[in-house]
Amino acid sequence: MAELATIARPYAEALFKASLADLGATAVWLDELAAIAANEQLQSFAGNPSVTASQTFDVITGVAKTALPEAAKNFLRAVIDNGRISVLPEIAAQFRTLKNEKSGSSDATVYSAFALDGAALADLASTLEKRFGRKLNLTVELEPALIGGVRVVVGDEVLDTSVKARLEQMKVALIA
């Protein structure tokens, strides 16, 4: 079977070209559809041979929290009709990559031991944008194992200023 990335690429590129006028809104509903499609129960339901494409479409649109625009419904029908529900999360990831390339930004995940308030997150975003040299779309995830500090992942780059990482460095230095 072809890799998911290979299958998802034409869908992501076509959706990107079709939605150049409003990439932000498209990204919102595409991320929601991808989150729904990632559900294992939905995957089983959609993969059942006795379930029709119409039934799958109705279930997904029924679960969606926001009202889907007509473009989203048409896109979803095309994906379902071609049996590509399982590829939706990868389509969304590739779409985000194309959107970020156009805007000159990158997605970044900040792992923090504690919740960050708005001011601290804004300061951190400013510092990280200077460090990485581009606009960053931050997502924050709590990871208490870090003890303190943050670990930032931007693509394949990692900046780890956590207490856990410093303790590991000290351990290596003491053992050597």
C-alpha atoms as a PDB file:
ATOM      1  CA  MET A   1       0.000   0.000   0.000  1.00  0.00           C
ATOM      2  CA  ALA A   2       1.196   3.504  -0.784  1.00  0.00           C
ATOM      3  CA  GLU A   3       2.359   5.657   2.085  1.00  0.00           C
ATOM      4  CA  LEU A   4      -0.183   8.016   3.625  1.00  0.00           C
ATOM      5  CA  ALA A   5       1.916  11.045   2.666  1.00  0.00           C
ATOM      6  CA  THR A   6       1.858  10.034  -0.993  1.00  0.00           C
ATOM      7  CA  ILE A   7      -1.903   9.551  -0.953  1.00  0.00           C
ATOM      8  CA  ALA A   8      -2.545  12.776   0.984  1.00  0.00           C
ATOM      9  CA  ARG A   9      -0.359  15.090  -1.110  1.00  0.00           C
ATOM     10  CA  PRO A  10      -2.730  15.584  -4.091  1.00  0.00           C
ATOM     11  CA  TYR A  11      -5.683  16.229  -1.771  1.00  0.00           C
ATOM     12  CA  ALA A  12      -3.739  18.757   0.311  1.00  0.00           C
ATOM     13  CA  GLU A  13      -2.365  20.565  -2.740  1.00  0.00           C
ATOM     14  CA  ALA A  14      -5.754  20.722  -4.476  1.00  0.00           C
ATOM     15  CA  LEU A  15      -7.458  22.005  -1.327  1.00  0.00           C
ATOM     16  CA  PHE A  16      -4.673  24.556  -0.836  1.00  0.00           C
ATOM     17  CA  LYS A  17      -5.054  25.905  -4.385  1.00  0.00           C
ATOM     18  CA  ALA A  18      -8.846  25.967  -4.126  1.00  0.00           C
ATOM     19  CA  SER A  19      -8.841  27.838  -0.814  1.00  0.00           C
ATOM     20  CA  LEU A  20      -6.104  30.439  -1.331  1.00  0.00           C
ATOM     21  CA  ALA A  21      -8.640  33.189  -0.637  1.00  0.00           C
ATOM     22  CA  ASP A  22      -9.266  32.005   2.949  1.00  0.00           C
ATOM     23  CA  LEU A  23      -6.587  29.601   4.142  1.00  0.00           C
ATOM     24  CA  GLY A  24      -7.254  30.300   7.825  1.00  0.00           C
ATOM     25  CA  ALA A  25     -10.906  29.275   7.746  1.00  0.00           C
ATOM     26  CA  THR A  26     -10.091  26.210   5.662  1.00  0.00           C
ATOM     27  CA  ALA A  27      -7.406  25.149   8.139  1.00  0.00           C
ATOM     28  CA  VAL A  28      -9.929  25.378  10.992  1.00  0.00           C
ATOM     29  CA  TRP A  29     -12.527  23.076   9.467  1.00  0.00           C
ATOM     30  CA  LEU A  30      -9.895  20.745   8.018  1.00  0.00           C
ATOM     31  CA  ASP A  31      -8.279  20.312  11.442  1.00  0.00           C
ATOM     32  CA  GLU A  32     -11.678  19.516  12.932  1.00  0.00           C
ATOM     33  CA  LEU A  33     -12.414  16.928  10.232  1.00  0.00           C
ATOM     34  CA  ALA A  34      -8.950  15.415  10.724  1.00  0.00           C
ATOM     35  CA  ALA A  35      -9.520  15.098  14.477  1.00  0.00           C
ATOM     36  CA  ILE A  36     -12.838  13.366  13.874  1.00  0.00           C
ATOM     37  CA  ALA A  37     -11.350  11.064  11.226  1.00  0.00           C
ATOM     38  CA  ALA A  38      -8.514  10.046  13.565  1.00  0.00           C
ATOM     39  CA  ASN A  39     -11.025   8.367  15.896  1.00  0.00           C
ATOM     40  CA  GLU A  40     -10.613   4.575  15.779  1.00  0.00           C
ATOM     41  CA  GLN A  41     -14.344   3.928  16.175  1.00  0.00           C
ATOM     42  CA  LEU A  42     -15.077   6.116  13.160  1.00  0.00           C
ATOM     43  CA  GLN A  43     -12.380   4.306  11.189  1.00  0.00           C
ATOM     44  CA  SER A  44     -14.045   0.976  11.987  1.00  0.00           C
ATOM     45  CA  PHE A  45     -17.466   2.349  11.127  1.00  0.00           C
ATOM     46  CA  ALA A  46     -16.318   3.813   7.796  1.00  0.00           C
ATOM     47  CA  GLY A  47     -14.420   0.625   6.928  1.00  0.00           C
ATOM     48  CA  ASN A  48     -17.488  -1.567   7.403  1.00  0.00           C
ATOM     49  CA  PRO A  49     -18.651  -2.761   3.959  1.00  0.00           C
ATOM     50  CA  SER A  50     -22.312  -2.478   4.936  1.00  0.00           C
ATOM     51  CA  VAL A  51     -21.961   1.246   5.747  1.00  0.00           C
ATOM     52  CA  THR A  52     -22.621   3.602   2.848  1.00  0.00           C
ATOM     53  CA  ALA A  53     -20.663   6.734   2.017  1.00  0.00           C
ATOM     54  CA  SER A  54     -23.769   8.758   2.838  1.00  0.00           C
ATOM     55  CA  GLN A  55     -23.972   7.239   6.318  1.00  0.00           C
ATOM     56  CA  THR A  56     -20.296   7.970   6.960  1.00  0.00           C
ATOM     57  CA  PHE A  57     -20.776  11.564   5.769  1.00  0.00           C
ATOM     58  CA  ASP A  58     -23.804  12.000   8.061  1.00  0.00           C
ATOM     59  CA  VAL A  59     -21.918  10.672  11.082  1.00  0.00           C
ATOM     60  CA  ILE A  60     -18.913  12.945  10.521  1.00  0.00           C
ATOM     61  CA  THR A  61     -20.987  16.072   9.889  1.00  0.00           C
ATOM     62  CA  GLY A  62     -23.163  15.200  12.882  1.00  0.00           C
ATOM     63  CA  VAL A  63     -20.120  15.007  15.158  1.00  0.00           C
ATOM     64  CA  ALA A  64     -18.557  18.248  13.867  1.00  0.00           C
ATOM     65  CA  LYS A  65     -18.873  21.034  16.439  1.00  0.00           C
ATOM     66  CA  THR A  66     -19.090  23.830  13.880  1.00  0.00           C
ATOM     67  CA  ALA A  67     -21.316  24.157  10.855  1.00  0.00           C
ATOM     68  CA  LEU A  68     -19.256  23.090   7.854  1.00  0.00           C
ATOM     69  CA  PRO A  69     -19.231  25.370   4.799  1.00  0.00           C
ATOM     70  CA  GLU A  70     -20.231  23.909   1.436  1.00  0.00           C
ATOM     71  CA  ALA A  71     -16.573  23.620   0.365  1.00  0.00           C
ATOM     72  CA  ALA A  72     -15.854  21.473   3.436  1.00  0.00           C
ATOM     73  CA  LYS A  73     -18.829  19.235   2.709  1.00  0.00           C
ATOM     74  CA  ASN A  74     -17.772  18.800  -0.915  1.00  0.00           C
ATOM     75  CA  PHE A  75     -14.208  18.008   0.120  1.00  0.00           C
ATOM     76  CA  LEU A  76     -15.418  15.524   2.732  1.00  0.00           C
ATOM     77  CA  ARG A  77     -17.666  13.799   0.182  1.00  0.00           C
ATOM     78  CA  ALA A  78     -14.715  13.444  -2.215  1.00  0.00           C
ATOM     79  CA  VAL A  79     -12.526  11.964   0.512  1.00  0.00           C
ATOM     80  CA  ILE A  80     -15.238   9.532   1.630  1.00  0.00           C
ATOM     81  CA  ASP A  81     -16.156   8.512  -1.932  1.00  0.00           C
ATOM     82  CA  ASN A  82     -12.512   7.648  -2.600  1.00  0.00           C
ATOM     83  CA  GLY A  83     -12.175   5.671   0.643  1.00  0.00           C
ATOM     84  CA  ARG A  84      -9.595   8.035   2.125  1.00  0.00           C
ATOM     85  CA  ILE A  85     -11.050   8.825   5.558  1.00  0.00           C
ATOM     86  CA  SER A  86      -7.966   7.400   7.261  1.00  0.00           C
ATOM     87  CA  VAL A  87      -5.780   9.841   5.290  1.00  0.00           C
ATOM     88  CA  LEU A  88      -7.565  12.994   6.526  1.00  0.00           C
ATOM     89  CA  PRO A  89      -5.128  13.672   9.409  1.00  0.00           C
ATOM     90  CA  GLU A  90      -2.177  13.505   6.996  1.00  0.00           C
ATOM     91  CA  ILE A  91      -4.017  15.735   4.496  1.00  0.00           C
ATOM     92  CA  ALA A  92      -4.490  18.298   7.288  1.00  0.00           C
ATOM     93  CA  ALA A  93      -0.807  18.110   8.252  1.00  0.00           C
ATOM     94  CA  GLN A  94       0.336  18.640   4.659  1.00  0.00           C
ATOM     95  CA  PHE A  95      -2.173  21.469   4.207  1.00  0.00           C
ATOM     96  CA  ARG A  96      -0.769  23.182   7.331  1.00  0.00           C
ATOM     97  CA  THR A  97       2.740  22.813   5.914  1.00  0.00           C
ATOM     98  CA  LEU A  98       1.699  24.459   2.628  1.00  0.00           C
ATOM     99  CA  LYS A  99      -0.128  27.224   4.518  1.00  0.00           C
ATOM    100  CA  ASN A 100       2.917  27.850   6.729  1.00  0.00           C
ATOM    101  CA  GLU A 101       5.260  27.994   3.722  1.00  0.00           C
ATOM    102  CA  LYS A 102       3.046  30.613   2.108  1.00  0.00           C
ATOM    103  CA  SER A 103       2.915  32.737   5.256  1.00  0.00           C
ATOM    104  CA  GLY A 104       6.580  32.196   6.198  1.00  0.00           C
ATOM    105  CA  SER A 105       5.754  30.656   9.552  1.00  0.00           C
ATOM    106  CA  SER A 106       6.148  27.308  11.302  1.00  0.00           C
ATOM    107  CA  ASP A 107       4.179  25.246  13.791  1.00  0.00           C
ATOM    108  CA  ALA A 108       5.851  24.922  17.178  1.00  0.00           C
ATOM    109  CA  THR A 109       4.946  22.825  20.187  1.00  0.00           C
ATOM    110  CA  VAL A 110       5.954  24.114  23.608  1.00  0.00           C
ATOM    111  CA  TYR A 111       6.106  21.439  26.296  1.00  0.00           C
ATOM    112  CA  SER A 112       5.924  23.016  29.727  1.00  0.00           C
ATOM    113  CA  ALA A 113       5.901  21.630  33.251  1.00  0.00           C
ATOM    114  CA  PHE A 114       3.306  24.225  34.245  1.00  0.00           C
ATOM    115  CA  ALA A 115       0.485  26.102  32.545  1.00  0.00           C
ATOM    116  CA  LEU A 116       1.625  29.343  30.900  1.00  0.00           C
ATOM    117  CA  ASP A 117      -0.466  32.499  31.251  1.00  0.00           C
ATOM    118  CA  GLY A 118      -1.040  34.862  28.329  1.00  0.00           C
ATOM    119  CA  ALA A 119       1.769  37.303  29.143  1.00  0.00           C
ATOM    120  CA  ALA A 120       4.362  34.555  29.698  1.00  0.00           C
ATOM    121  CA  LEU A 121       3.330  32.851  26.459  1.00  0.00           C
ATOM    122  CA  ALA A 122       3.569  36.129  24.527  1.00  0.00           C
ATOM    123  CA  ASP A 123       7.080  36.773  25.918  1.00  0.00           C
ATOM    124  CA  LEU A 124       8.118  33.225  25.110  1.00  0.00           C
ATOM    125  CA  ALA A 125       6.693  33.505  21.579  1.00  0.00           C
ATOM    126  CA  SER A 126       8.634  36.708  20.967  1.00  0.00           C
ATOM    127  CA  THR A 127      11.886  35.175  22.201  1.00  0.00           C
ATOM    128  CA  LEU A 128      11.382  31.978  20.196  1.00  0.00           C
ATOM    129  CA  GLU A 129      10.561  33.878  17.000  1.00  0.00           C
ATOM    130  CA  LYS A 130      13.865  35.748  17.337  1.00  0.00           C
ATOM    131  CA  ARG A 131      15.718  32.495  18.074  1.00  0.00           C
ATOM    132  CA  PHE A 132      14.237  30.565  15.137  1.00  0.00           C
ATOM    133  CA  GLY A 133      14.056  33.548  12.775  1.00  0.00           C
ATOM    134  CA  ARG A 134      10.446  33.118  11.701  1.00  0.00           C
ATOM    135  CA  LYS A 135       6.859  33.528  12.877  1.00  0.00           C
ATOM    136  CA  LEU A 136       5.732  30.609  15.038  1.00  0.00           C
ATOM    137  CA  ASN A 137       2.262  29.174  15.597  1.00  0.00           C
ATOM    138  CA  LEU A 138       2.565  27.943  19.178  1.00  0.00           C
ATOM    139  CA  THR A 139       0.707  25.081  20.785  1.00  0.00           C
ATOM    140  CA  VAL A 140       1.298  24.406  24.463  1.00  0.00           C
ATOM    141  CA  GLU A 141       1.236  20.942  26.014  1.00  0.00           C
ATOM    142  CA  LEU A 142       1.723  20.199  29.683  1.00  0.00           C
ATOM    143  CA  GLU A 143       4.466  17.715  30.558  1.00  0.00           C
ATOM    144  CA  PRO A 144       5.020  17.610  34.330  1.00  0.00           C
ATOM    145  CA  ALA A 145       8.042  15.288  33.921  1.00  0.00           C
ATOM    146  CA  LEU A 146      10.073  18.309  32.743  1.00  0.00           C
ATOM    147  CA  ILE A 147      10.084  19.558  36.385  1.00  0.00           C
ATOM    148  CA  GLY A 148      10.536  23.163  35.202  1.00  0.00           C
ATOM    149  CA  GLY A 149      11.407  25.144  32.096  1.00  0.00           C
ATOM    150  CA  VAL A 150      10.237  24.336  28.565  1.00  0.00           C
ATOM    151  CA  ARG A 151      11.064  22.130  25.616  1.00  0.00           C
ATOM    152  CA  VAL A 152      10.214  23.592  22.196  1.00  0.00           C
ATOM    153  CA  VAL A 153       9.883  21.528  19.021  1.00  0.00           C
ATOM    154  CA  VAL A 154       9.811  23.362  15.674  1.00  0.00           C
ATOM    155  CA  GLY A 155       9.832  20.887  12.817  1.00  0.00           C
ATOM    156  CA  ASP A 156      12.968  18.824  13.389  1.00  0.00           C
ATOM    157  CA  GLU A 157      14.614  21.405  15.682  1.00  0.00           C
ATOM    158  CA  VAL A 158      14.411  21.023  19.454  1.00  0.00           C
ATOM    159  CA  LEU A 159      15.290  23.630  22.068  1.00  0.00           C
ATOM    160  CA  ASP A 160      15.304  22.046  25.521  1.00  0.00           C
ATOM    161  CA  THR A 161      15.763  24.364  28.502  1.00  0.00           C
ATOM    162  CA  SER A 162      13.949  22.125  30.966  1.00  0.00           C
ATOM    163  CA  VAL A 163      15.241  21.202  34.411  1.00  0.00           C
ATOM    164  CA  LYS A 164      15.054  17.549  33.391  1.00  0.00           C
ATOM    165  CA  ALA A 165      17.451  18.162  30.453  1.00  0.00           C
ATOM    166  CA  ARG A 166      19.864  20.105  32.665  1.00  0.00           C
ATOM    167  CA  LEU A 167      19.875  17.292  35.229  1.00  0.00           C
ATOM    168  CA  GLU A 168      20.629  14.805  32.447  1.00  0.00           C
ATOM    169  CA  GLN A 169      23.532  16.996  31.270  1.00  0.00           C
ATOM    170  CA  MET A 170      24.887  17.155  34.822  1.00  0.00           C
ATOM    171  CA  LYS A 171      24.575  13.380  35.161  1.00  0.00           C
ATOM    172  CA  VAL A 172      26.532  12.829  31.943  1.00  0.00           C
ATOM    173  CA  ALA A 173      29.209  15.301  33.043  1.00  0.00           C
ATOM    174  CA  LEU A 174      29.594  13.629  36.441  1.00  0.00           C
ATOM    175  CA  ILE A 175      29.788  10.128  34.977  1.00  0.00           C
ATOM    176  CA  ALA A 176      32.380  11.080  32.331  1.00  0.00           C
END
